[in-house]
């Protein structure tokens, strides 16, 4: 785990979410156990469990008693919807606010995006 200042349990939850979003964990696929996550990341199993339990509370994972945790049906769509909303609030809203201060409208921003090329 990287030390980015966020609690480890949130990083565990995000790592699992990323695997769901990118398709490497599909619906009804079993996720690693808390002990597996703890051993892999060298963290306390209770910390890994807290991340898993957060995903259960959010409806992203579900528990099969005695078997483990699995990706819920519709989890990917739910995560994509939430992340798109987050993207809008974190990036698009400030971008458009700054563009407005500069006298730029949405059409000008679209044109900039169309010709933009990422720099290496």
C-alpha atoms as a PDB file:
ATOM      1  CA  UNK A   1       0.000   0.000   0.000  1.00  0.00           C
ATOM      2  CA  UNK A   2       1.229   3.460  -0.760  1.00  0.00           C
ATOM      3  CA  UNK A   3       1.227   6.056   1.978  1.00  0.00           C
ATOM      4  CA  UNK A   4      -0.989   8.733   0.463  1.00  0.00           C
ATOM      5  CA  UNK A   5      -2.320   9.985   3.771  1.00  0.00           C
ATOM      6  CA  UNK A   6      -5.659   8.233   3.456  1.00  0.00           C
ATOM      7  CA  UNK A   7      -6.630   5.464   5.879  1.00  0.00           C
ATOM      8  CA  UNK A   8      -5.478   2.025   4.738  1.00  0.00           C
ATOM      9  CA  UNK A   9      -8.997   0.580   4.863  1.00  0.00           C
ATOM     10  CA  UNK A  10     -10.122   3.171   2.309  1.00  0.00           C
ATOM     11  CA  UNK A  11      -7.177   2.273   0.079  1.00  0.00           C
ATOM     12  CA  UNK A  12      -8.132  -1.425   0.321  1.00  0.00           C
ATOM     13  CA  UNK A  13     -11.742  -0.612  -0.597  1.00  0.00           C
ATOM     14  CA  UNK A  14     -10.598   1.563  -3.510  1.00  0.00           C
ATOM     15  CA  UNK A  15      -8.276  -1.145  -4.788  1.00  0.00           C
ATOM     16  CA  UNK A  16     -11.175  -3.605  -4.906  1.00  0.00           C
ATOM     17  CA  UNK A  17     -13.416  -0.977  -6.493  1.00  0.00           C
ATOM     18  CA  UNK A  18     -10.774  -0.344  -9.170  1.00  0.00           C
ATOM     19  CA  UNK A  19     -10.689  -4.055  -9.967  1.00  0.00           C
ATOM     20  CA  UNK A  20     -14.467  -4.055 -10.348  1.00  0.00           C
ATOM     21  CA  UNK A  21     -14.465  -0.931 -12.530  1.00  0.00           C
ATOM     22  CA  UNK A  22     -11.699  -2.231 -14.815  1.00  0.00           C
ATOM     23  CA  UNK A  23     -13.488  -5.573 -15.177  1.00  0.00           C
ATOM     24  CA  UNK A  24     -10.913  -7.799 -13.501  1.00  0.00           C
ATOM     25  CA  UNK A  25     -13.507  -8.599 -10.802  1.00  0.00           C
ATOM     26  CA  UNK A  26     -16.854  -9.346 -12.438  1.00  0.00           C
ATOM     27  CA  UNK A  27     -20.245  -9.782 -10.767  1.00  0.00           C
ATOM     28  CA  UNK A  28     -20.438 -12.860  -8.531  1.00  0.00           C
ATOM     29  CA  UNK A  29     -16.636 -13.198  -8.511  1.00  0.00           C
ATOM     30  CA  UNK A  30     -15.080 -13.941  -5.134  1.00  0.00           C
ATOM     31  CA  UNK A  31     -12.785 -11.225  -3.788  1.00  0.00           C
ATOM     32  CA  UNK A  32      -9.644 -11.947  -1.771  1.00  0.00           C
ATOM     33  CA  UNK A  33     -10.278 -12.690   1.902  1.00  0.00           C
ATOM     34  CA  UNK A  34      -9.368 -10.230   4.617  1.00  0.00           C
ATOM     35  CA  UNK A  35      -6.502 -12.517   5.630  1.00  0.00           C
ATOM     36  CA  UNK A  36      -5.200 -12.648   2.045  1.00  0.00           C
ATOM     37  CA  UNK A  37      -5.399  -8.862   1.750  1.00  0.00           C
ATOM     38  CA  UNK A  38      -3.731  -8.407   5.121  1.00  0.00           C
ATOM     39  CA  UNK A  39      -0.881 -10.764   4.258  1.00  0.00           C
ATOM     40  CA  UNK A  40      -0.359  -9.259   0.807  1.00  0.00           C
ATOM     41  CA  UNK A  41      -0.301  -5.657   2.052  1.00  0.00           C
ATOM     42  CA  UNK A  42       1.281  -6.474   5.413  1.00  0.00           C
ATOM     43  CA  UNK A  43      -1.500  -4.833   7.371  1.00  0.00           C
ATOM     44  CA  UNK A  44      -3.733  -5.854  10.253  1.00  0.00           C
ATOM     45  CA  UNK A  45      -6.600  -8.165   9.165  1.00  0.00           C
ATOM     46  CA  UNK A  46      -9.030  -5.879  11.010  1.00  0.00           C
ATOM     47  CA  UNK A  47      -7.970  -3.026   8.720  1.00  0.00           C
ATOM     48  CA  UNK A  48      -8.600  -5.136   5.624  1.00  0.00           C
ATOM     49  CA  UNK A  49     -11.943  -6.240   7.095  1.00  0.00           C
ATOM     50  CA  UNK A  50     -12.952  -2.625   7.617  1.00  0.00           C
ATOM     51  CA  UNK A  51     -12.387  -1.907   3.916  1.00  0.00           C
ATOM     52  CA  UNK A  52     -14.331  -5.008   2.889  1.00  0.00           C
ATOM     53  CA  UNK A  53     -17.165  -4.181   5.298  1.00  0.00           C
ATOM     54  CA  UNK A  54     -17.416  -0.689   3.853  1.00  0.00           C
ATOM     55  CA  UNK A  55     -17.969  -2.209   0.409  1.00  0.00           C
ATOM     56  CA  UNK A  56     -20.616  -4.542   1.842  1.00  0.00           C
ATOM     57  CA  UNK A  57     -22.374  -1.562   3.457  1.00  0.00           C
ATOM     58  CA  UNK A  58     -22.265   0.243   0.099  1.00  0.00           C
ATOM     59  CA  UNK A  59     -23.833  -2.743  -1.687  1.00  0.00           C
ATOM     60  CA  UNK A  60     -20.716  -3.408  -3.780  1.00  0.00           C
ATOM     61  CA  UNK A  61     -19.938  -6.778  -2.170  1.00  0.00           C
ATOM     62  CA  UNK A  62     -22.102  -9.428  -0.551  1.00  0.00           C
ATOM     63  CA  UNK A  63     -21.267 -12.262   1.804  1.00  0.00           C
ATOM     64  CA  UNK A  64     -21.842 -15.959   1.212  1.00  0.00           C
ATOM     65  CA  UNK A  65     -21.770 -17.428   4.681  1.00  0.00           C
ATOM     66  CA  UNK A  66     -18.833 -19.764   5.127  1.00  0.00           C
ATOM     67  CA  UNK A  67     -17.515 -19.098   1.621  1.00  0.00           C
ATOM     68  CA  UNK A  68     -16.445 -15.455   1.423  1.00  0.00           C
ATOM     69  CA  UNK A  69     -17.222 -12.102  -0.168  1.00  0.00           C
ATOM     70  CA  UNK A  70     -18.393 -11.687  -3.731  1.00  0.00           C
ATOM     71  CA  UNK A  71     -18.996  -8.821  -6.148  1.00  0.00           C
ATOM     72  CA  UNK A  72     -22.651  -7.823  -6.191  1.00  0.00           C
ATOM     73  CA  UNK A  73     -24.650  -7.761  -9.402  1.00  0.00           C
ATOM     74  CA  UNK A  74     -24.700  -4.188 -10.701  1.00  0.00           C
ATOM     75  CA  UNK A  75     -21.669  -3.173  -8.622  1.00  0.00           C
ATOM     76  CA  UNK A  76     -19.705  -1.975 -11.650  1.00  0.00           C
ATOM     77  CA  UNK A  77     -22.572   0.210 -12.887  1.00  0.00           C
ATOM     78  CA  UNK A  78     -23.060   1.606  -9.384  1.00  0.00           C
ATOM     79  CA  UNK A  79     -19.366   2.447  -9.071  1.00  0.00           C
ATOM     80  CA  UNK A  80     -19.229   4.031 -12.531  1.00  0.00           C
ATOM     81  CA  UNK A  81     -22.229   6.207 -11.724  1.00  0.00           C
ATOM     82  CA  UNK A  82     -20.727   7.316  -8.411  1.00  0.00           C
ATOM     83  CA  UNK A  83     -17.306   7.993  -9.942  1.00  0.00           C
ATOM     84  CA  UNK A  84     -18.808   9.999 -12.793  1.00  0.00           C
ATOM     85  CA  UNK A  85     -20.554  12.177 -10.219  1.00  0.00           C
ATOM     86  CA  UNK A  86     -17.299  12.507  -8.283  1.00  0.00           C
ATOM     87  CA  UNK A  87     -15.472  13.408 -11.502  1.00  0.00           C
ATOM     88  CA  UNK A  88     -17.984  16.138 -12.252  1.00  0.00           C
ATOM     89  CA  UNK A  89     -17.690  17.642  -8.765  1.00  0.00           C
ATOM     90  CA  UNK A  90     -13.908  17.331  -8.488  1.00  0.00           C
ATOM     91  CA  UNK A  91     -12.803  18.239 -11.991  1.00  0.00           C
ATOM     92  CA  UNK A  92     -15.528  19.486 -14.321  1.00  0.00           C
ATOM     93  CA  UNK A  93     -17.177  21.979 -11.972  1.00  0.00           C
ATOM     94  CA  UNK A  94     -13.885  23.732 -11.116  1.00  0.00           C
ATOM     95  CA  UNK A  95     -12.839  23.656 -14.781  1.00  0.00           C
ATOM     96  CA  UNK A  96     -16.042  25.327 -15.885  1.00  0.00           C
ATOM     97  CA  UNK A  97     -15.865  27.845 -13.041  1.00  0.00           C
ATOM     98  CA  UNK A  98     -12.350  28.860 -14.092  1.00  0.00           C
ATOM     99  CA  UNK A  99     -13.372  28.920 -17.762  1.00  0.00           C
ATOM    100  CA  UNK A 100     -16.222  31.261 -16.857  1.00  0.00           C
ATOM    101  CA  UNK A 101     -13.779  33.606 -15.124  1.00  0.00           C
ATOM    102  CA  UNK A 102     -11.745  33.639 -18.338  1.00  0.00           C
ATOM    103  CA  UNK A 103     -14.799  34.339 -20.470  1.00  0.00           C
ATOM    104  CA  UNK A 104     -14.775  30.888 -22.067  1.00  0.00           C
ATOM    105  CA  UNK A 105     -17.960  28.937 -22.727  1.00  0.00           C
ATOM    106  CA  UNK A 106     -18.576  25.174 -22.986  1.00  0.00           C
ATOM    107  CA  UNK A 107     -18.095  25.210 -26.770  1.00  0.00           C
ATOM    108  CA  UNK A 108     -14.604  26.653 -26.405  1.00  0.00           C
ATOM    109  CA  UNK A 109     -13.745  24.037 -23.798  1.00  0.00           C
ATOM    110  CA  UNK A 110     -15.028  21.267 -26.105  1.00  0.00           C
ATOM    111  CA  UNK A 111     -12.804  22.557 -28.913  1.00  0.00           C
ATOM    112  CA  UNK A 112      -9.785  22.563 -26.604  1.00  0.00           C
ATOM    113  CA  UNK A 113     -10.534  18.993 -25.551  1.00  0.00           C
ATOM    114  CA  UNK A 114     -10.915  17.886 -29.177  1.00  0.00           C
ATOM    115  CA  UNK A 115      -7.427  19.109 -30.091  1.00  0.00           C
ATOM    116  CA  UNK A 116      -5.715  18.336 -26.770  1.00  0.00           C
ATOM    117  CA  UNK A 117      -2.919  15.784 -26.825  1.00  0.00           C
ATOM    118  CA  UNK A 118      -1.448  14.389 -23.628  1.00  0.00           C
ATOM    119  CA  UNK A 119       2.159  15.276 -23.006  1.00  0.00           C
ATOM    120  CA  UNK A 120       4.576  12.454 -22.154  1.00  0.00           C
END
